[in-house]
Amino acid sequence: MQIHYLEIVTKDVGAVCAAYAAATGAQFGEPDAGLGNARTAALPGGGLVGVRAPMHETEGPVVRPYWLVDDIRAAVAAAVKAGARVAHPPLEIPGHGTFAIYIQGGIHHGLWQR
């Protein structure tokens, strides 16, 4: 299993990025509109961590790993078969790939296909 994108949603993007930078030396870029205006930094071994503000008033803070998969539709179907509820069906983000979100055990889980 490989995390392709680690999404952190917080009301204090600047403080979270500053803390990660101070603790790990990570360098966060400018907001990326394609990723909900997340500020991103590279993860060791590939992938990104993205820190962004909530995109709507009902979105609360969350840390959501997106696991890299070869076939996102098959992976979503397998999660549903295992009892998950789809929170966001597969959606392509131009230049980034395709993501999906499901909820299982009260936890948000993400999938990502390049």
PDB file of N, CA and C in Angstrom:
ATOM      1  N   MET A   1       0.847  -1.177   0.000  1.00  0.00           N
ATOM      2  CA  MET A   1       0.000   0.000   0.000  1.00  0.00           C
ATOM      3  C   MET A   1       0.892   1.241   0.000  1.00  0.00           C
ATOM      4  N   GLN A   2       0.466   2.195  -0.799  1.00  0.00           N
ATOM      5  CA  GLN A   2       1.225   3.443  -0.893  1.00  0.00           C
ATOM      6  C   GLN A   2       0.273   4.621  -0.809  1.00  0.00           C
ATOM      7  N   ILE A   3       0.574   5.571   0.057  1.00  0.00           N
ATOM      8  CA  ILE A   3      -0.212   6.795   0.115  1.00  0.00           C
ATOM      9  C   ILE A   3       0.249   7.697  -1.013  1.00  0.00           C
ATOM     10  N   HIS A   4      -0.690   8.075  -1.870  1.00  0.00           N
ATOM     11  CA  HIS A   4      -0.385   8.985  -2.976  1.00  0.00           C
ATOM     12  C   HIS A   4      -0.633  10.428  -2.573  1.00  0.00           C
ATOM     13  N   TYR A   5      -1.651  10.653  -1.740  1.00  0.00           N
ATOM     14  CA  TYR A   5      -1.988  12.004  -1.305  1.00  0.00           C
ATOM     15  C   TYR A   5      -2.506  11.932   0.120  1.00  0.00           C
ATOM     16  N   LEU A   6      -1.943  12.733   1.001  1.00  0.00           N
ATOM     17  CA  LEU A   6      -2.399  12.825   2.381  1.00  0.00           C
ATOM     18  C   LEU A   6      -3.027  14.197   2.537  1.00  0.00           C
ATOM     19  N   GLU A   7      -4.350  14.208   2.707  1.00  0.00           N
ATOM     20  CA  GLU A   7      -5.101  15.460   2.764  1.00  0.00           C
ATOM     21  C   GLU A   7      -5.401  15.833   4.207  1.00  0.00           C
ATOM     22  N   ILE A   8      -5.082  17.069   4.553  1.00  0.00           N
ATOM     23  CA  ILE A   8      -5.359  17.592   5.881  1.00  0.00           C
ATOM     24  C   ILE A   8      -6.237  18.819   5.704  1.00  0.00           C
ATOM     25  N   VAL A   9      -7.429  18.771   6.286  1.00  0.00           N
ATOM     26  CA  VAL A   9      -8.365  19.894   6.219  1.00  0.00           C
ATOM     27  C   VAL A   9      -8.384  20.546   7.590  1.00  0.00           C
ATOM     28  N   THR A  10      -8.097  21.841   7.628  1.00  0.00           N
ATOM     29  CA  THR A  10      -8.013  22.591   8.876  1.00  0.00           C
ATOM     30  C   THR A  10      -8.423  24.034   8.646  1.00  0.00           C
ATOM     31  N   LYS A  11      -8.877  24.683   9.690  1.00  0.00           N
ATOM     32  CA  LYS A  11      -9.220  26.100   9.590  1.00  0.00           C
ATOM     33  C   LYS A  11      -7.987  26.983   9.687  1.00  0.00           C
ATOM     34  N   ASP A  12      -6.826  26.408  10.052  1.00  0.00           N
ATOM     35  CA  ASP A  12      -5.604  27.201  10.200  1.00  0.00           C
ATOM     36  C   ASP A  12      -4.474  26.618   9.349  1.00  0.00           C
ATOM     37  N   VAL A  13      -4.622  26.768   8.037  1.00  0.00           N
ATOM     38  CA  VAL A  13      -3.668  26.200   7.077  1.00  0.00           C
ATOM     39  C   VAL A  13      -2.252  26.686   7.344  1.00  0.00           C
ATOM     40  N   GLY A  14      -2.090  27.978   7.534  1.00  0.00           N
ATOM     41  CA  GLY A  14      -0.763  28.547   7.739  1.00  0.00           C
ATOM     42  C   GLY A  14      -0.042  27.964   8.934  1.00  0.00           C
ATOM     43  N   ALA A  15      -0.748  27.825  10.047  1.00  0.00           N
ATOM     44  CA  ALA A  15      -0.129  27.289  11.261  1.00  0.00           C
ATOM     45  C   ALA A  15       0.259  25.820  11.087  1.00  0.00           C
ATOM     46  N   VAL A  16      -0.606  25.031  10.442  1.00  0.00           N
ATOM     47  CA  VAL A  16      -0.304  23.615  10.240  1.00  0.00           C
ATOM     48  C   VAL A  16       0.909  23.469   9.323  1.00  0.00           C
ATOM     49  N   CYS A  17       0.933  24.227   8.222  1.00  0.00           N
ATOM     50  CA  CYS A  17       2.087  24.164   7.313  1.00  0.00           C
ATOM     51  C   CYS A  17       3.369  24.596   8.018  1.00  0.00           C
ATOM     52  N   ALA A  18       3.280  25.641   8.814  1.00  0.00           N
ATOM     53  CA  ALA A  18       4.465  26.134   9.534  1.00  0.00           C
ATOM     54  C   ALA A  18       4.982  25.095  10.529  1.00  0.00           C
ATOM     55  N   ALA A  19       4.062  24.427  11.224  1.00  0.00           N
ATOM     56  CA  ALA A  19       4.475  23.406  12.194  1.00  0.00           C
ATOM     57  C   ALA A  19       5.141  22.228  11.501  1.00  0.00           C
ATOM     58  N   TYR A  20       4.554  21.763  10.391  1.00  0.00           N
ATOM     59  CA  TYR A  20       5.163  20.666   9.654  1.00  0.00           C
ATOM     60  C   TYR A  20       6.519  21.069   9.094  1.00  0.00           C
ATOM     61  N   ALA A  21       6.614  22.269   8.567  1.00  0.00           N
ATOM     62  CA  ALA A  21       7.886  22.752   8.022  1.00  0.00           C
ATOM     63  C   ALA A  21       8.950  22.815   9.116  1.00  0.00           C
ATOM     64  N   ALA A  22       8.589  23.318  10.282  1.00  0.00           N
ATOM     65  CA  ALA A  22       9.553  23.431  11.379  1.00  0.00           C
ATOM     66  C   ALA A  22       9.988  22.062  11.889  1.00  0.00           C
ATOM     67  N   ALA A  23       9.042  21.129  11.946  1.00  0.00           N
ATOM     68  CA  ALA A  23       9.348  19.804  12.493  1.00  0.00           C
ATOM     69  C   ALA A  23      10.074  18.899  11.514  1.00  0.00           C
ATOM     70  N   THR A  24       9.780  19.046  10.208  1.00  0.00           N
ATOM     71  CA  THR A  24      10.303  18.085   9.233  1.00  0.00           C
ATOM     72  C   THR A  24      11.139  18.696   8.121  1.00  0.00           C
ATOM     73  N   GLY A  25      11.098  20.022   8.002  1.00  0.00           N
ATOM     74  CA  GLY A  25      11.803  20.674   6.896  1.00  0.00           C
ATOM     75  C   GLY A  25      11.009  20.681   5.603  1.00  0.00           C
ATOM     76  N   ALA A  26       9.762  20.231   5.657  1.00  0.00           N
ATOM     77  CA  ALA A  26       8.917  20.218   4.454  1.00  0.00           C
ATOM     78  C   ALA A  26       8.753  21.630   3.913  1.00  0.00           C
ATOM     79  N   GLN A  27       8.706  21.732   2.597  1.00  0.00           N
ATOM     80  CA  GLN A  27       8.500  23.025   1.957  1.00  0.00           C
ATOM     81  C   GLN A  27       7.172  22.996   1.221  1.00  0.00           C
ATOM     82  N   PHE A  28       6.245  23.807   1.685  1.00  0.00           N
ATOM     83  CA  PHE A  28       4.905  23.866   1.103  1.00  0.00           C
ATOM     84  C   PHE A  28       4.844  24.930   0.027  1.00  0.00           C
ATOM     85  N   GLY A  29       4.178  24.601  -1.070  1.00  0.00           N
ATOM     86  CA  GLY A  29       4.013  25.524  -2.175  1.00  0.00           C
ATOM     87  C   GLY A  29       2.805  26.425  -1.989  1.00  0.00           C
ATOM     88  N   GLU A  30       2.534  27.176  -3.023  1.00  0.00           N
ATOM     89  CA  GLU A  30       1.367  28.056  -3.045  1.00  0.00           C
ATOM     90  C   GLU A  30       0.104  27.203  -3.214  1.00  0.00           C
ATOM     91  N   PRO A  31      -1.064  27.745  -2.884  1.00  0.00           N
ATOM     92  CA  PRO A  31      -2.312  26.995  -3.037  1.00  0.00           C
ATOM     93  C   PRO A  31      -2.503  26.479  -4.461  1.00  0.00           C
ATOM     94  N   ASP A  32      -2.950  25.222  -4.561  1.00  0.00           N
ATOM     95  CA  ASP A  32      -3.222  24.557  -5.834  1.00  0.00           C
ATOM     96  C   ASP A  32      -4.732  24.484  -6.020  1.00  0.00           C
ATOM     97  N   ALA A  33      -5.271  25.265  -6.948  1.00  0.00           N
ATOM     98  CA  ALA A  33      -6.718  25.320  -7.164  1.00  0.00           C
ATOM     99  C   ALA A  33      -7.296  23.946  -7.496  1.00  0.00           C
ATOM    100  N   GLY A  34      -6.547  23.110  -8.195  1.00  0.00           N
ATOM    101  CA  GLY A  34      -7.026  21.778  -8.560  1.00  0.00           C
ATOM    102  C   GLY A  34      -7.205  20.856  -7.373  1.00  0.00           C
ATOM    103  N   LEU A  35      -6.569  21.193  -6.256  1.00  0.00           N
ATOM    104  CA  LEU A  35      -6.661  20.385  -5.037  1.00  0.00           C
ATOM    105  C   LEU A  35      -7.363  21.161  -3.925  1.00  0.00           C
ATOM    106  N   GLY A  36      -8.351  21.970  -4.300  1.00  0.00           N
ATOM    107  CA  GLY A  36      -9.117  22.714  -3.309  1.00  0.00           C
ATOM    108  C   GLY A  36      -8.322  23.805  -2.625  1.00  0.00           C
ATOM    109  N   ASN A  37      -7.328  24.348  -3.338  1.00  0.00           N
ATOM    110  CA  ASN A  37      -6.428  25.379  -2.806  1.00  0.00           C
ATOM    111  C   ASN A  37      -5.526  24.855  -1.692  1.00  0.00           C
ATOM    112  N   ALA A  38      -5.238  23.557  -1.739  1.00  0.00           N
ATOM    113  CA  ALA A  38      -4.312  22.978  -0.764  1.00  0.00           C
ATOM    114  C   ALA A  38      -2.898  23.467  -1.039  1.00  0.00           C
ATOM    115  N   ARG A  39      -2.179  23.730   0.018  1.00  0.00           N
ATOM    116  CA  ARG A  39      -0.741  23.966  -0.093  1.00  0.00           C
ATOM    117  C   ARG A  39      -0.095  22.591   0.041  1.00  0.00           C
ATOM    118  N   THR A  40       0.759  22.229  -0.907  1.00  0.00           N
ATOM    119  CA  THR A  40       1.296  20.870  -0.931  1.00  0.00           C
ATOM    120  C   THR A  40       2.804  20.840  -0.720  1.00  0.00           C
ATOM    121  N   ALA A  41       3.252  19.688  -0.227  1.00  0.00           N
ATOM    122  CA  ALA A  41       4.671  19.397  -0.069  1.00  0.00           C
ATOM    123  C   ALA A  41       4.879  17.937  -0.466  1.00  0.00           C
ATOM    124  N   ALA A  42       6.073  17.635  -0.941  1.00  0.00           N
ATOM    125  CA  ALA A  42       6.393  16.272  -1.375  1.00  0.00           C
ATOM    126  C   ALA A  42       6.513  15.323  -0.187  1.00  0.00           C
ATOM    127  N   LEU A  43       6.014  14.089  -0.380  1.00  0.00           N
ATOM    128  CA  LEU A  43       6.201  13.021   0.586  1.00  0.00           C
ATOM    129  C   LEU A  43       7.406  12.184   0.164  1.00  0.00           C
ATOM    130  N   PRO A  44       8.178  11.674   1.115  1.00  0.00           N
ATOM    131  CA  PRO A  44       9.284  10.792   0.747  1.00  0.00           C
ATOM    132  C   PRO A  44       8.753   9.592  -0.041  1.00  0.00           C
ATOM    133  N   GLY A  45       9.406   9.223  -1.094  1.00  0.00           N
ATOM    134  CA  GLY A  45       8.997   8.080  -1.905  1.00  0.00           C
ATOM    135  C   GLY A  45       7.918   8.402  -2.923  1.00  0.00           C
ATOM    136  N   GLY A  46       7.561   9.666  -3.043  1.00  0.00           N
ATOM    137  CA  GLY A  46       6.527  10.071  -3.996  1.00  0.00           C
ATOM    138  C   GLY A  46       5.247  10.449  -3.297  1.00  0.00           C
ATOM    139  N   GLY A  47       4.395  11.117  -4.013  1.00  0.00           N
ATOM    140  CA  GLY A  47       3.125  11.559  -3.458  1.00  0.00           C
ATOM    141  C   GLY A  47       3.245  12.927  -2.817  1.00  0.00           C
ATOM    142  N   LEU A  48       2.114  13.397  -2.297  1.00  0.00           N
ATOM    143  CA  LEU A  48       2.039  14.733  -1.719  1.00  0.00           C
ATOM    144  C   LEU A  48       1.262  14.718  -0.412  1.00  0.00           C
ATOM    145  N   VAL A  49       1.567  15.684   0.445  1.00  0.00           N
ATOM    146  CA  VAL A  49       0.700  16.024   1.560  1.00  0.00           C
ATOM    147  C   VAL A  49       0.112  17.381   1.206  1.00  0.00           C
ATOM    148  N   GLY A  50      -1.185  17.524   1.378  1.00  0.00           N
ATOM    149  CA  GLY A  50      -1.867  18.775   1.068  1.00  0.00           C
ATOM    150  C   GLY A  50      -2.625  19.272   2.284  1.00  0.00           C
ATOM    151  N   VAL A  51      -2.455  20.563   2.580  1.00  0.00           N
ATOM    152  CA  VAL A  51      -3.148  21.179   3.709  1.00  0.00           C
ATOM    153  C   VAL A  51      -4.060  22.256   3.137  1.00  0.00           C
ATOM    154  N   ARG A  52      -5.356  22.138   3.435  1.00  0.00           N
ATOM    155  CA  ARG A  52      -6.314  23.109   2.898  1.00  0.00           C
ATOM    156  C   ARG A  52      -7.375  23.440   3.925  1.00  0.00           C
ATOM    157  N   ALA A  53      -8.067  24.551   3.661  1.00  0.00           N
ATOM    158  CA  ALA A  53      -9.197  24.958   4.491  1.00  0.00           C
ATOM    159  C   ALA A  53     -10.440  24.191   4.061  1.00  0.00           C
ATOM    160  N   PRO A  54     -11.449  24.123   4.920  1.00  0.00           N
ATOM    161  CA  PRO A  54     -12.712  23.503   4.510  1.00  0.00           C
ATOM    162  C   PRO A  54     -13.263  24.187   3.266  1.00  0.00           C
ATOM    163  N   MET A  55     -13.871  23.400   2.379  1.00  0.00           N
ATOM    164  CA  MET A  55     -14.400  23.928   1.129  1.00  0.00           C
ATOM    165  C   MET A  55     -15.853  24.377   1.245  1.00  0.00           C
ATOM    166  N   HIS A  56     -16.523  24.034   2.335  1.00  0.00           N
ATOM    167  CA  HIS A  56     -17.888  24.486   2.591  1.00  0.00           C
ATOM    168  C   HIS A  56     -18.108  24.463   4.091  1.00  0.00           C
ATOM    169  N   GLU A  57     -19.155  25.122   4.553  1.00  0.00           N
ATOM    170  CA  GLU A  57     -19.362  25.318   5.987  1.00  0.00           C
ATOM    171  C   GLU A  57     -19.609  24.039   6.774  1.00  0.00           C
ATOM    172  N   THR A  58     -20.037  22.973   6.111  1.00  0.00           N
ATOM    173  CA  THR A  58     -20.288  21.722   6.839  1.00  0.00           C
ATOM    174  C   THR A  58     -19.089  20.781   6.851  1.00  0.00           C
ATOM    175  N   GLU A  59     -18.015  21.151   6.149  1.00  0.00           N
ATOM    176  CA  GLU A  59     -16.818  20.298   6.140  1.00  0.00           C
ATOM    177  C   GLU A  59     -15.975  20.593   7.367  1.00  0.00           C
ATOM    178  N   GLY A  60     -15.764  19.576   8.163  1.00  0.00           N
ATOM    179  CA  GLY A  60     -14.968  19.733   9.376  1.00  0.00           C
ATOM    180  C   GLY A  60     -13.532  19.316   9.159  1.00  0.00           C
ATOM    181  N   PRO A  61     -12.701  19.519  10.165  1.00  0.00           N
ATOM    182  CA  PRO A  61     -11.308  19.083  10.078  1.00  0.00           C
ATOM    183  C   PRO A  61     -11.233  17.566   9.873  1.00  0.00           C
ATOM    184  N   VAL A  62     -10.293  17.154   9.034  1.00  0.00           N
ATOM    185  CA  VAL A  62     -10.128  15.727   8.760  1.00  0.00           C
ATOM    186  C   VAL A  62      -8.708  15.483   8.251  1.00  0.00           C
ATOM    187  N   VAL A  63      -8.204  14.309   8.530  1.00  0.00           N
ATOM    188  CA  VAL A  63      -6.960  13.825   7.925  1.00  0.00           C
ATOM    189  C   VAL A  63      -7.355  12.597   7.126  1.00  0.00           C
ATOM    190  N   ARG A  64      -7.101  12.656   5.814  1.00  0.00           N
ATOM    191  CA  ARG A  64      -7.597  11.616   4.915  1.00  0.00           C
ATOM    192  C   ARG A  64      -6.471  11.106   4.021  1.00  0.00           C
ATOM    193  N   PRO A  65      -6.037   9.848   4.214  1.00  0.00           N
ATOM    194  CA  PRO A  65      -5.056   9.283   3.286  1.00  0.00           C
ATOM    195  C   PRO A  65      -5.748   8.796   2.017  1.00  0.00           C
ATOM    196  N   TYR A  66      -5.115   9.031   0.888  1.00  0.00           N
ATOM    197  CA  TYR A  66      -5.598   8.524  -0.395  1.00  0.00           C
ATOM    198  C   TYR A  66      -4.617   7.448  -0.850  1.00  0.00           C
ATOM    199  N   TRP A  67      -5.087   6.219  -0.872  1.00  0.00           N
ATOM    200  CA  TRP A  67      -4.246   5.101  -1.267  1.00  0.00           C
ATOM    201  C   TRP A  67      -4.181   5.013  -2.786  1.00  0.00           C
ATOM    202  N   LEU A  68      -2.996   4.792  -3.310  1.00  0.00           N
ATOM    203  CA  LEU A  68      -2.785   4.648  -4.745  1.00  0.00           C
ATOM    204  C   LEU A  68      -3.322   3.293  -5.200  1.00  0.00           C
ATOM    205  N   VAL A  69      -4.166   3.308  -6.232  1.00  0.00           N
ATOM    206  CA  VAL A  69      -4.739   2.074  -6.779  1.00  0.00           C
ATOM    207  C   VAL A  69      -4.594   2.080  -8.296  1.00  0.00           C
ATOM    208  N   ASP A  70      -4.601   0.895  -8.882  1.00  0.00           N
ATOM    209  CA  ASP A  70      -4.508   0.771 -10.338  1.00  0.00           C
ATOM    210  C   ASP A  70      -5.854   0.990 -11.031  1.00  0.00           C
ATOM    211  N   ASP A  71      -6.937   0.583 -10.382  1.00  0.00           N
ATOM    212  CA  ASP A  71      -8.269   0.672 -10.973  1.00  0.00           C
ATOM    213  C   ASP A  71      -9.221   1.224  -9.910  1.00  0.00           C
ATOM    214  N   ILE A  72      -9.483   2.512  -9.968  1.00  0.00           N
ATOM    215  CA  ILE A  72     -10.259   3.162  -8.906  1.00  0.00           C
ATOM    216  C   ILE A  72     -11.696   2.660  -8.852  1.00  0.00           C
ATOM    217  N   ARG A  73     -12.296   2.384  -9.988  1.00  0.00           N
ATOM    218  CA  ARG A  73     -13.684   1.900  -9.975  1.00  0.00           C
ATOM    219  C   ARG A  73     -13.782   0.526  -9.306  1.00  0.00           C
ATOM    220  N   ALA A  74     -12.835  -0.341  -9.595  1.00  0.00           N
ATOM    221  CA  ALA A  74     -12.820  -1.655  -8.957  1.00  0.00           C
ATOM    222  C   ALA A  74     -12.536  -1.526  -7.457  1.00  0.00           C
ATOM    223  N   ALA A  75     -11.660  -0.607  -7.087  1.00  0.00           N
ATOM    224  CA  ALA A  75     -11.336  -0.408  -5.672  1.00  0.00           C
ATOM    225  C   ALA A  75     -12.535   0.145  -4.899  1.00  0.00           C
ATOM    226  N   VAL A  76     -13.279   1.080  -5.500  1.00  0.00           N
ATOM    227  CA  VAL A  76     -14.489   1.606  -4.857  1.00  0.00           C
ATOM    228  C   VAL A  76     -15.514   0.491  -4.708  1.00  0.00           C
ATOM    229  N   ALA A  77     -15.693  -0.307  -5.748  1.00  0.00           N
ATOM    230  CA  ALA A  77     -16.653  -1.410  -5.685  1.00  0.00           C
ATOM    231  C   ALA A  77     -16.273  -2.396  -4.580  1.00  0.00           C
ATOM    232  N   ALA A  78     -14.994  -2.682  -4.426  1.00  0.00           N
ATOM    233  CA  ALA A  78     -14.544  -3.594  -3.378  1.00  0.00           C
ATOM    234  C   ALA A  78     -14.809  -3.008  -1.989  1.00  0.00           C
ATOM    235  N   ALA A  79     -14.596  -1.704  -1.838  1.00  0.00           N
ATOM    236  CA  ALA A  79     -14.861  -1.054  -0.552  1.00  0.00           C
ATOM    237  C   ALA A  79     -16.351  -1.123  -0.216  1.00  0.00           C
ATOM    238  N   VAL A  80     -17.201  -0.858  -1.205  1.00  0.00           N
ATOM    239  CA  VAL A  80     -18.652  -0.924  -0.997  1.00  0.00           C
ATOM    240  C   VAL A  80     -19.068  -2.344  -0.627  1.00  0.00           C
ATOM    241  N   LYS A  81     -18.503  -3.322  -1.302  1.00  0.00           N
ATOM    242  CA  LYS A  81     -18.816  -4.728  -1.004  1.00  0.00           C
ATOM    243  C   LYS A  81     -18.421  -5.076   0.430  1.00  0.00           C
ATOM    244  N   ALA A  82     -17.376  -4.394   0.932  1.00  0.00           N
ATOM    245  CA  ALA A  82     -16.915  -4.635   2.304  1.00  0.00           C
ATOM    246  C   ALA A  82     -17.689  -3.792   3.324  1.00  0.00           C
ATOM    247  N   GLY A  83     -18.722  -3.061   2.863  1.00  0.00           N
ATOM    248  CA  GLY A  83     -19.579  -2.332   3.785  1.00  0.00           C
ATOM    249  C   GLY A  83     -19.376  -0.830   3.831  1.00  0.00           C
ATOM    250  N   ALA A  84     -18.513  -0.289   2.976  1.00  0.00           N
ATOM    251  CA  ALA A  84     -18.257   1.150   2.967  1.00  0.00           C
ATOM    252  C   ALA A  84     -19.398   1.912   2.308  1.00  0.00           C
ATOM    253  N   ARG A  85     -19.491   3.194   2.628  1.00  0.00           N
ATOM    254  CA  ARG A  85     -20.444   4.110   1.993  1.00  0.00           C
ATOM    255  C   ARG A  85     -19.646   5.117   1.179  1.00  0.00           C
ATOM    256  N   VAL A  86     -19.987   5.283  -0.084  1.00  0.00           N
ATOM    257  CA  VAL A  86     -19.280   6.221  -0.955  1.00  0.00           C
ATOM    258  C   VAL A  86     -19.672   7.644  -0.578  1.00  0.00           C
ATOM    259  N   ALA A  87     -18.670   8.458  -0.250  1.00  0.00           N
ATOM    260  CA  ALA A  87     -18.892   9.868   0.073  1.00  0.00           C
ATOM    261  C   ALA A  87     -18.680  10.744  -1.156  1.00  0.00           C
ATOM    262  N   HIS A  88     -17.783  10.318  -2.035  1.00  0.00           N
ATOM    263  CA  HIS A  88     -17.539  11.043  -3.298  1.00  0.00           C
ATOM    264  C   HIS A  88     -17.136  10.012  -4.342  1.00  0.00           C
ATOM    265  N   PRO A  89     -17.914   9.874  -5.409  1.00  0.00           N
ATOM    266  CA  PRO A  89     -17.569   8.899  -6.447  1.00  0.00           C
ATOM    267  C   PRO A  89     -16.318   9.340  -7.204  1.00  0.00           C
ATOM    268  N   PRO A  90     -15.729   8.448  -7.974  1.00  0.00           N
ATOM    269  CA  PRO A  90     -14.520   8.803  -8.727  1.00  0.00           C
ATOM    270  C   PRO A  90     -14.719  10.075  -9.560  1.00  0.00           C
ATOM    271  N   LEU A  91     -13.743  10.966  -9.455  1.00  0.00           N
ATOM    272  CA  LEU A  91     -13.760  12.229 -10.182  1.00  0.00           C
ATOM    273  C   LEU A  91     -12.338  12.548 -10.625  1.00  0.00           C
ATOM    274  N   GLU A  92     -12.188  12.839 -11.900  1.00  0.00           N
ATOM    275  CA  GLU A  92     -10.870  13.199 -12.421  1.00  0.00           C
ATOM    276  C   GLU A  92     -10.573  14.656 -12.117  1.00  0.00           C
ATOM    277  N   ILE A  93      -9.353  14.902 -11.643  1.00  0.00           N
ATOM    278  CA  ILE A  93      -8.840  16.252 -11.456  1.00  0.00           C
ATOM    279  C   ILE A  93      -7.761  16.433 -12.515  1.00  0.00           C
ATOM    280  N   PRO A  94      -8.010  17.254 -13.526  1.00  0.00           N
ATOM    281  CA  PRO A  94      -7.033  17.414 -14.608  1.00  0.00           C
ATOM    282  C   PRO A  94      -5.627  17.710 -14.073  1.00  0.00           C
ATOM    283  N   GLY A  95      -4.681  16.949 -14.578  1.00  0.00           N
ATOM    284  CA  GLY A  95      -3.293  17.108 -14.177  1.00  0.00           C
ATOM    285  C   GLY A  95      -2.901  16.379 -12.906  1.00  0.00           C
ATOM    286  N   HIS A  96      -3.888  15.781 -12.214  1.00  0.00           N
ATOM    287  CA  HIS A  96      -3.592  15.113 -10.941  1.00  0.00           C
ATOM    288  C   HIS A  96      -3.997  13.651 -10.912  1.00  0.00           C
ATOM    289  N   GLY A  97      -5.021  13.268 -11.644  1.00  0.00           N
ATOM    290  CA  GLY A  97      -5.508  11.895 -11.602  1.00  0.00           C
ATOM    291  C   GLY A  97      -6.959  11.865 -11.176  1.00  0.00           C
ATOM    292  N   THR A  98      -7.412  10.702 -10.706  1.00  0.00           N
ATOM    293  CA  THR A  98      -8.800  10.495 -10.316  1.00  0.00           C
ATOM    294  C   THR A  98      -8.842  10.068  -8.857  1.00  0.00           C
ATOM    295  N   PHE A  99      -9.757  10.678  -8.098  1.00  0.00           N
ATOM    296  CA  PHE A  99      -9.890  10.334  -6.685  1.00  0.00           C
ATOM    297  C   PHE A  99     -11.308   9.891  -6.376  1.00  0.00           C
ATOM    298  N   ALA A 100     -11.457   9.229  -5.246  1.00  0.00           N
ATOM    299  CA  ALA A 100     -12.767   8.871  -4.689  1.00  0.00           C
ATOM    300  C   ALA A 100     -12.612   8.841  -3.174  1.00  0.00           C
ATOM    301  N   ILE A 101     -13.738   9.038  -2.476  1.00  0.00           N
ATOM    302  CA  ILE A 101     -13.734   9.000  -1.013  1.00  0.00           C
ATOM    303  C   ILE A 101     -14.848   8.068  -0.555  1.00  0.00           C
ATOM    304  N   TYR A 102     -14.525   7.252   0.436  1.00  0.00           N
ATOM    305  CA  TYR A 102     -15.560   6.427   1.059  1.00  0.00           C
ATOM    306  C   TYR A 102     -15.405   6.507   2.570  1.00  0.00           C
ATOM    307  N   ILE A 103     -16.479   6.154   3.255  1.00  0.00           N
ATOM    308  CA  ILE A 103     -16.488   6.180   4.721  1.00  0.00           C
ATOM    309  C   ILE A 103     -16.753   4.772   5.205  1.00  0.00           C
ATOM    310  N   GLN A 104     -15.909   4.349   6.113  1.00  0.00           N
ATOM    311  CA  GLN A 104     -16.080   3.023   6.711  1.00  0.00           C
ATOM    312  C   GLN A 104     -15.567   3.098   8.143  1.00  0.00           C
ATOM    313  N   GLY A 105     -16.343   2.573   9.059  1.00  0.00           N
ATOM    314  CA  GLY A 105     -15.946   2.604  10.458  1.00  0.00           C
ATOM    315  C   GLY A 105     -15.862   4.020  11.012  1.00  0.00           C
ATOM    316  N   GLY A 106     -16.627   4.948  10.421  1.00  0.00           N
ATOM    317  CA  GLY A 106     -16.609   6.329  10.875  1.00  0.00           C
ATOM    318  C   GLY A 106     -15.403   7.122  10.410  1.00  0.00           C
ATOM    319  N   ILE A 107     -14.571   6.515   9.576  1.00  0.00           N
ATOM    320  CA  ILE A 107     -13.333   7.143   9.095  1.00  0.00           C
ATOM    321  C   ILE A 107     -13.440   7.412   7.602  1.00  0.00           C
ATOM    322  N   HIS A 108     -12.945   8.581   7.175  1.00  0.00           N
ATOM    323  CA  HIS A 108     -12.868   8.893   5.750  1.00  0.00           C
ATOM    324  C   HIS A 108     -11.635   8.219   5.166  1.00  0.00           C
ATOM    325  N   HIS A 109     -11.806   7.577   4.031  1.00  0.00           N
ATOM    326  CA  HIS A 109     -10.717   6.916   3.323  1.00  0.00           C
ATOM    327  C   HIS A 109     -10.732   7.436   1.877  1.00  0.00           C
ATOM    328  N   GLY A 110      -9.570   7.620   1.298  1.00  0.00           N
ATOM    329  CA  GLY A 110      -9.497   8.060  -0.085  1.00  0.00           C
ATOM    330  C   GLY A 110      -8.776   7.057  -0.953  1.00  0.00           C
ATOM    331  N   LEU A 111      -9.100   7.079  -2.223  1.00  0.00           N
ATOM    332  CA  LEU A 111      -8.427   6.271  -3.251  1.00  0.00           C
ATOM    333  C   LEU A 111      -7.966   7.222  -4.349  1.00  0.00           C
ATOM    334  N   TRP A 112      -6.854   6.899  -4.975  1.00  0.00           N
ATOM    335  CA  TRP A 112      -6.310   7.756  -6.031  1.00  0.00           C
ATOM    336  C   TRP A 112      -5.747   6.888  -7.152  1.00  0.00           C
ATOM    337  N   GLN A 113      -6.096   7.229  -8.361  1.00  0.00           N
ATOM    338  CA  GLN A 113      -5.537   6.560  -9.543  1.00  0.00           C
ATOM    339  C   GLN A 113      -4.858   7.613 -10.370  1.00  0.00           C
ATOM    340  N   ARG A 114      -3.625   7.338 -10.755  1.00  0.00           N
ATOM    341  CA  ARG A 114      -2.871   8.294 -11.574  1.00  0.00           C
ATOM    342  C   ARG A 114      -3.426   8.370 -12.962  1.00  0.00           C
TER     343      ARG A 114
END
